[in-house]
Amino acid sequence: MTVTIRPAEKRDTMALAELIEEIERFYGATEIQPLEERRSQVEEALFGSPPLASALLVEDQTGDLVGLAAYSFLWPAAGSSHSLFLKELYVRDDLRRQGVGAQLMNELRVLAAARPGCSRLEWMTDHDNAAARAFYRSLGFTEFDGKIVYRLDSKTA
């Protein structure tokens, strides 16, 4: 299947809010935020002033959104450089194992390399996500064992 990978645009806000529900359900969520709330948060995150994140979108032949790579630039990385941090990589199930995820990862490499001062591309996956870990290994990436992730939810802060 032919897909197009492109940066998110404001006109994509509603379709992204709908795709986020699909992503949440993929990760096992049973309580889903109302659509209008998601739409508003997508708009603020990607198109607010300043934007909090960026996204590459995967569009199928019919124009439907079928995947995304959401990322931000973080500082500092090595020394005074910065990194491109991939927060979410998602491809709809019927397009998996067709090279779409690999195309997204390549586009992220290109973005990181083209940005002056960006020293690396980083991301995480869950320890128990065997499919994601196998996917990244298939692309030649090795796991970095040096970090432990901590999280404080805003509800408990």
C-alpha atoms as a PDB file:
ATOM      1  CA  MET A   1       0.000   0.000   0.000  1.00  0.00           C
ATOM      2  CA  THR A   2       1.225   3.470  -0.849  1.00  0.00           C
ATOM      3  CA  VAL A   3       1.236   5.980   1.989  1.00  0.00           C
ATOM      4  CA  THR A   4       2.264   9.604   2.348  1.00  0.00           C
ATOM      5  CA  ILE A   5       4.258  10.810   5.330  1.00  0.00           C
ATOM      6  CA  ARG A   6       3.966  14.509   6.036  1.00  0.00           C
ATOM      7  CA  PRO A   7       4.041  17.012   8.902  1.00  0.00           C
ATOM      8  CA  ALA A   8       0.801  17.540  10.795  1.00  0.00           C
ATOM      9  CA  GLU A   9      -1.211  20.591   9.794  1.00  0.00           C
ATOM     10  CA  LYS A  10      -3.938  22.389  11.710  1.00  0.00           C
ATOM     11  CA  ARG A  11      -6.576  20.883   9.392  1.00  0.00           C
ATOM     12  CA  ASP A  12      -5.577  17.459  10.796  1.00  0.00           C
ATOM     13  CA  THR A  13      -6.608  18.282  14.367  1.00  0.00           C
ATOM     14  CA  MET A  14      -9.909  16.375  14.439  1.00  0.00           C
ATOM     15  CA  ALA A  15      -8.533  13.339  12.595  1.00  0.00           C
ATOM     16  CA  LEU A  16      -5.606  13.271  15.029  1.00  0.00           C
ATOM     17  CA  ALA A  17      -7.960  13.440  18.002  1.00  0.00           C
ATOM     18  CA  GLU A  18      -9.801  10.430  16.562  1.00  0.00           C
ATOM     19  CA  LEU A  19      -6.531   8.552  15.919  1.00  0.00           C
ATOM     20  CA  ILE A  20      -5.473   9.181  19.509  1.00  0.00           C
ATOM     21  CA  GLU A  21      -8.549   7.285  20.701  1.00  0.00           C
ATOM     22  CA  GLU A  22      -7.423   4.352  18.567  1.00  0.00           C
ATOM     23  CA  ILE A  23      -3.932   4.575  20.081  1.00  0.00           C
ATOM     24  CA  GLU A  24      -5.328   4.704  23.613  1.00  0.00           C
ATOM     25  CA  ARG A  25      -7.445   1.620  22.947  1.00  0.00           C
ATOM     26  CA  PHE A  26      -4.399  -0.139  21.450  1.00  0.00           C
ATOM     27  CA  TYR A  27      -2.610   0.401  24.782  1.00  0.00           C
ATOM     28  CA  GLY A  28      -5.597  -0.990  26.680  1.00  0.00           C
ATOM     29  CA  ALA A  29      -7.392   2.149  27.867  1.00  0.00           C
ATOM     30  CA  THR A  30     -11.026   1.611  28.746  1.00  0.00           C
ATOM     31  CA  GLU A  31     -11.877   5.185  29.710  1.00  0.00           C
ATOM     32  CA  ILE A  32     -11.417   7.561  26.795  1.00  0.00           C
ATOM     33  CA  GLN A  33     -11.319  11.329  27.076  1.00  0.00           C
ATOM     34  CA  PRO A  34     -14.222  13.065  25.268  1.00  0.00           C
ATOM     35  CA  LEU A  35     -13.496  13.857  21.611  1.00  0.00           C
ATOM     36  CA  GLU A  36     -13.797  17.635  21.982  1.00  0.00           C
ATOM     37  CA  GLU A  37     -11.320  17.597  24.873  1.00  0.00           C
ATOM     38  CA  ARG A  38      -8.856  15.550  22.793  1.00  0.00           C
ATOM     39  CA  ARG A  39      -9.320  17.861  19.816  1.00  0.00           C
ATOM     40  CA  SER A  40      -8.596  20.904  21.959  1.00  0.00           C
ATOM     41  CA  GLN A  41      -5.496  19.315  23.479  1.00  0.00           C
ATOM     42  CA  VAL A  42      -4.169  18.230  20.071  1.00  0.00           C
ATOM     43  CA  GLU A  43      -4.620  21.757  18.753  1.00  0.00           C
ATOM     44  CA  GLU A  44      -2.876  23.305  21.757  1.00  0.00           C
ATOM     45  CA  ALA A  45      -0.020  20.781  21.751  1.00  0.00           C
ATOM     46  CA  LEU A  46       0.789  20.924  18.042  1.00  0.00           C
ATOM     47  CA  PHE A  47      -0.343  24.399  17.018  1.00  0.00           C
ATOM     48  CA  GLY A  48      -0.322  26.490  20.198  1.00  0.00           C
ATOM     49  CA  SER A  49       2.078  29.322  20.844  1.00  0.00           C
ATOM     50  CA  PRO A  50       4.608  27.902  21.377  1.00  0.00           C
ATOM     51  CA  PRO A  51       3.802  24.380  20.193  1.00  0.00           C
ATOM     52  CA  LEU A  52       4.638  21.646  22.704  1.00  0.00           C
ATOM     53  CA  ALA A  53       5.317  18.964  20.107  1.00  0.00           C
ATOM     54  CA  SER A  54       5.410  18.103  16.430  1.00  0.00           C
ATOM     55  CA  ALA A  55       4.049  15.138  14.505  1.00  0.00           C
ATOM     56  CA  LEU A  56       4.609  13.320  11.263  1.00  0.00           C
ATOM     57  CA  LEU A  57       1.423  11.769   9.932  1.00  0.00           C
ATOM     58  CA  VAL A  58       0.866   8.726   7.768  1.00  0.00           C
ATOM     59  CA  GLU A  59      -1.924   9.183   5.260  1.00  0.00           C
ATOM     60  CA  ASP A  60      -3.270   6.303   3.181  1.00  0.00           C
ATOM     61  CA  GLN A  61      -4.408   6.503  -0.445  1.00  0.00           C
ATOM     62  CA  THR A  62      -7.864   7.697   0.578  1.00  0.00           C
ATOM     63  CA  GLY A  63      -6.496  10.513   2.753  1.00  0.00           C
ATOM     64  CA  ASP A  64      -7.233   8.795   6.087  1.00  0.00           C
ATOM     65  CA  LEU A  65      -4.702   9.122   8.894  1.00  0.00           C
ATOM     66  CA  VAL A  66      -3.331   5.668   9.654  1.00  0.00           C
ATOM     67  CA  GLY A  67      -0.266   6.437  11.740  1.00  0.00           C
ATOM     68  CA  LEU A  68       1.884   9.044  13.387  1.00  0.00           C
ATOM     69  CA  ALA A  69       5.210   9.830  14.954  1.00  0.00           C
ATOM     70  CA  ALA A  70       4.880  12.467  17.696  1.00  0.00           C
ATOM     71  CA  TYR A  71       8.116  14.096  18.812  1.00  0.00           C
ATOM     72  CA  SER A  72       9.701  17.039  20.569  1.00  0.00           C
ATOM     73  CA  PHE A  73      13.160  18.517  20.689  1.00  0.00           C
ATOM     74  CA  LEU A  74      14.720  18.311  24.154  1.00  0.00           C
ATOM     75  CA  TRP A  75      17.615  20.231  25.589  1.00  0.00           C
ATOM     76  CA  PRO A  76      20.238  19.531  26.811  1.00  0.00           C
ATOM     77  CA  ALA A  77      21.402  16.269  25.272  1.00  0.00           C
ATOM     78  CA  ALA A  78      25.154  15.761  24.882  1.00  0.00           C
ATOM     79  CA  GLY A  79      26.909  18.906  26.099  1.00  0.00           C
ATOM     80  CA  SER A  80      24.848  21.842  24.955  1.00  0.00           C
ATOM     81  CA  SER A  81      23.260  20.028  22.004  1.00  0.00           C
ATOM     82  CA  HIS A  82      19.654  18.863  21.853  1.00  0.00           C
ATOM     83  CA  SER A  83      17.889  15.666  20.853  1.00  0.00           C
ATOM     84  CA  LEU A  84      14.817  14.698  18.914  1.00  0.00           C
ATOM     85  CA  PHE A  85      12.711  12.661  21.353  1.00  0.00           C
ATOM     86  CA  LEU A  86      10.138  10.348  19.805  1.00  0.00           C
ATOM     87  CA  LYS A  87       7.184  10.128  22.181  1.00  0.00           C
ATOM     88  CA  GLU A  88       4.788   8.016  20.133  1.00  0.00           C
ATOM     89  CA  LEU A  89       5.157   5.846  17.048  1.00  0.00           C
ATOM     90  CA  TYR A  90       1.917   4.274  15.884  1.00  0.00           C
ATOM     91  CA  VAL A  91       0.854   2.532  12.696  1.00  0.00           C
ATOM     92  CA  ARG A  92      -2.615   1.089  12.292  1.00  0.00           C
ATOM     93  CA  ASP A  93      -2.637  -2.690  12.619  1.00  0.00           C
ATOM     94  CA  ASP A  94      -3.532  -3.453   8.984  1.00  0.00           C
ATOM     95  CA  LEU A  95      -0.446  -1.527   7.806  1.00  0.00           C
ATOM     96  CA  ARG A  96       2.071  -3.048  10.208  1.00  0.00           C
ATOM     97  CA  ARG A  97       4.899  -5.149   8.804  1.00  0.00           C
ATOM     98  CA  GLN A  98       4.694  -3.290   5.486  1.00  0.00           C
ATOM     99  CA  GLY A  99       7.579  -0.868   6.059  1.00  0.00           C
ATOM    100  CA  VAL A 100       5.511   2.112   7.208  1.00  0.00           C
ATOM    101  CA  GLY A 101       7.095   2.233  10.675  1.00  0.00           C
ATOM    102  CA  ALA A 102      10.541   1.978   9.110  1.00  0.00           C
ATOM    103  CA  GLN A 103       9.656   4.898   6.806  1.00  0.00           C
ATOM    104  CA  LEU A 104       8.602   6.963   9.834  1.00  0.00           C
ATOM    105  CA  MET A 105      11.837   6.165  11.669  1.00  0.00           C
ATOM    106  CA  ASN A 106      13.828   7.154   8.584  1.00  0.00           C
ATOM    107  CA  GLU A 107      11.957  10.467   8.316  1.00  0.00           C
ATOM    108  CA  LEU A 108      12.758  11.148  11.976  1.00  0.00           C
ATOM    109  CA  ARG A 109      16.444  10.427  11.299  1.00  0.00           C
ATOM    110  CA  VAL A 110      16.347  12.932   8.445  1.00  0.00           C
ATOM    111  CA  LEU A 111      14.668  15.562  10.645  1.00  0.00           C
ATOM    112  CA  ALA A 112      17.218  15.080  13.429  1.00  0.00           C
ATOM    113  CA  ALA A 113      20.170  15.205  11.020  1.00  0.00           C
ATOM    114  CA  ALA A 114      18.857  18.353   9.317  1.00  0.00           C
ATOM    115  CA  ARG A 115      18.422  20.292  12.561  1.00  0.00           C
ATOM    116  CA  PRO A 116      21.588  22.171  13.550  1.00  0.00           C
ATOM    117  CA  GLY A 117      22.739  21.184  17.044  1.00  0.00           C
ATOM    118  CA  CYS A 118      20.646  18.004  17.229  1.00  0.00           C
ATOM    119  CA  SER A 119      23.018  15.288  18.427  1.00  0.00           C
ATOM    120  CA  ARG A 120      20.693  12.300  18.657  1.00  0.00           C
ATOM    121  CA  LEU A 121      17.308  10.654  18.244  1.00  0.00           C
ATOM    122  CA  GLU A 122      15.934   8.951  21.348  1.00  0.00           C
ATOM    123  CA  TRP A 123      12.795   7.034  22.303  1.00  0.00           C
ATOM    124  CA  MET A 124      11.485   4.472  24.778  1.00  0.00           C
ATOM    125  CA  THR A 125       9.300   1.428  24.659  1.00  0.00           C
ATOM    126  CA  ASP A 126       7.835  -0.739  27.380  1.00  0.00           C
ATOM    127  CA  HIS A 127       9.916  -3.716  28.528  1.00  0.00           C
ATOM    128  CA  ASP A 128       6.991  -6.028  27.806  1.00  0.00           C
ATOM    129  CA  ASN A 129       6.333  -4.695  24.286  1.00  0.00           C
ATOM    130  CA  ALA A 130       8.106  -7.521  22.467  1.00  0.00           C
ATOM    131  CA  ALA A 131       6.780  -6.508  19.046  1.00  0.00           C
ATOM    132  CA  ALA A 132       8.130  -2.951  19.331  1.00  0.00           C
ATOM    133  CA  ARG A 133      11.477  -4.174  20.640  1.00  0.00           C
ATOM    134  CA  ALA A 134      11.771  -6.639  17.748  1.00  0.00           C
ATOM    135  CA  PHE A 135      10.825  -3.892  15.281  1.00  0.00           C
ATOM    136  CA  TYR A 136      13.564  -1.563  16.551  1.00  0.00           C
ATOM    137  CA  ARG A 137      16.124  -4.385  16.538  1.00  0.00           C
ATOM    138  CA  SER A 138      15.145  -5.194  12.934  1.00  0.00           C
ATOM    139  CA  LEU A 139      16.113  -1.638  12.013  1.00  0.00           C
ATOM    140  CA  GLY A 140      19.527  -2.116  13.607  1.00  0.00           C
ATOM    141  CA  PHE A 141      18.894  -0.181  16.831  1.00  0.00           C
ATOM    142  CA  THR A 142      20.259  -1.502  20.092  1.00  0.00           C
ATOM    143  CA  GLU A 143      18.630  -1.079  23.469  1.00  0.00           C
ATOM    144  CA  PHE A 144      20.206   1.360  25.874  1.00  0.00           C
ATOM    145  CA  ASP A 145      20.241  -0.037  29.365  1.00  0.00           C
ATOM    146  CA  GLY A 146      21.347   3.044  31.270  1.00  0.00           C
ATOM    147  CA  LYS A 147      18.128   4.842  32.257  1.00  0.00           C
ATOM    148  CA  ILE A 148      15.242   4.231  34.606  1.00  0.00           C
ATOM    149  CA  VAL A 149      12.043   6.128  33.889  1.00  0.00           C
ATOM    150  CA  TYR A 150      10.191   7.881  36.707  1.00  0.00           C
ATOM    151  CA  ARG A 151       6.713   9.308  36.360  1.00  0.00           C
ATOM    152  CA  LEU A 152       4.537  11.487  38.524  1.00  0.00           C
ATOM    153  CA  ASP A 153       0.988  11.824  37.254  1.00  0.00           C
ATOM    154  CA  SER A 154      -0.517  15.278  37.594  1.00  0.00           C
ATOM    155  CA  LYS A 155      -3.356  13.803  39.662  1.00  0.00           C
ATOM    156  CA  THR A 156      -0.910  12.751  42.374  1.00  0.00           C
ATOM    157  CA  ALA A 157       1.368  15.798  42.222  1.00  0.00           C
END
